[in-house]
Amino acid sequence: MIEKLAIEFIAKLEHEKGYSEHTLRAYHKDLSQFDTFLRDEKCSSLKGVNHLLLRKFLAVLRTKNYSKTTIARKLASIRSFFKFLIQAGELVSNPFEVLRTPKQEKKLPHFLSISDVDILLKTPDCSNSMGLRDLAMLETLYSTGIRVSELVSLDENDIDFFGGMIKVTGKGKKERMVPIGSYAIKAIKEYLNSESKLKKDEKKKASQISKKEPLFLNKYGNRLTARSVARSLDKYLKMSGINLLTSPHTFRHSFATHLLDKGADLRSVQELLGHSNLSTTQIYTHITTERLKAVYEKAHPRK
């Protein structure tokens, strides 16, 4: 029932908002699930969707044992879709206006200690170009706090080796300049110098077509994917014995936490992470507060 409109909506998100493929797939899946629900409820028109029907959909989601975060995301997808329908003139009112999104669980993000980061960064075998590439990726993630999607979209000319800055394209295709440390710059230079002539030729051909030279390549000379970065990290986690729950995004959490621990102000960390709202960054203050409390409880003689 909503498939055609959903396709138009997702196309708008892709071209105007610059959403990632992963996010677009999630939106499409959420809308398909809602479409199936409407069919089961014998609702033949979007104009027939009211707050009572939405409450029933919410109840169905709860019976499927989704987390509160997942339920909130699904409702946000559908809420955005209905806003699109109003803007497109398909509807005149939004039934979501009287539906409250469930409060989400506030889970503190997992992060690595500085010593764990050091161990992990010593794990790649730097006697070959793939090991040098992996070290450069991990150093860049920790040095800059960028998302893995931002990492794999980097091109060579996004790196200012002399100024110690990189140009990052984030959510909504918003660009920002982020400082990058000397360790990461050194690792990137060594990786680029190690590339075989074949890969350099492949990269040159690709740049002639797209006018871009991807920074991180796979063994076939193509731009690396976020999934490949995760697979490489998993390998090093097993080799180093560090928490296997660690993901590429953990470097982002670690970056923010370590900066705040060392005295960085919240606004600066917000800008570095590319967060549009300060409230998103404030989760990291909870981490540092919890750590201070733990130290206090352990060390104070009259706690």
Foldseek 3Di string as FASTA:
>chain_A
DCVVLLVVVLVCCCVQFVADPVLSVLLNVLVVVVVVLCVVVVNPDPQPDALVSVVVVLVVVVVVVDALVSSLSSVVSVQSSVVVCCVVVNDVDGRCPPPDRDDHDQDQDDADDPVVLVLLLVQFDLPALVSLLLSLLSLQCLQQLEDLQQSLPFFPVQADLVVQWGWTQDTSRDIDITGGDPVSSVSLVSSVVRDDPVLVVLQVVVCVVVVTRGSHADPVNHGDDLVVSQVVSLVSCVVSVHDSVDGSNNSSLHNLLVCVVVPDDQVVNCRSHVPPDSVVSCSSVVVVVVVVVVCCVVPPPVD
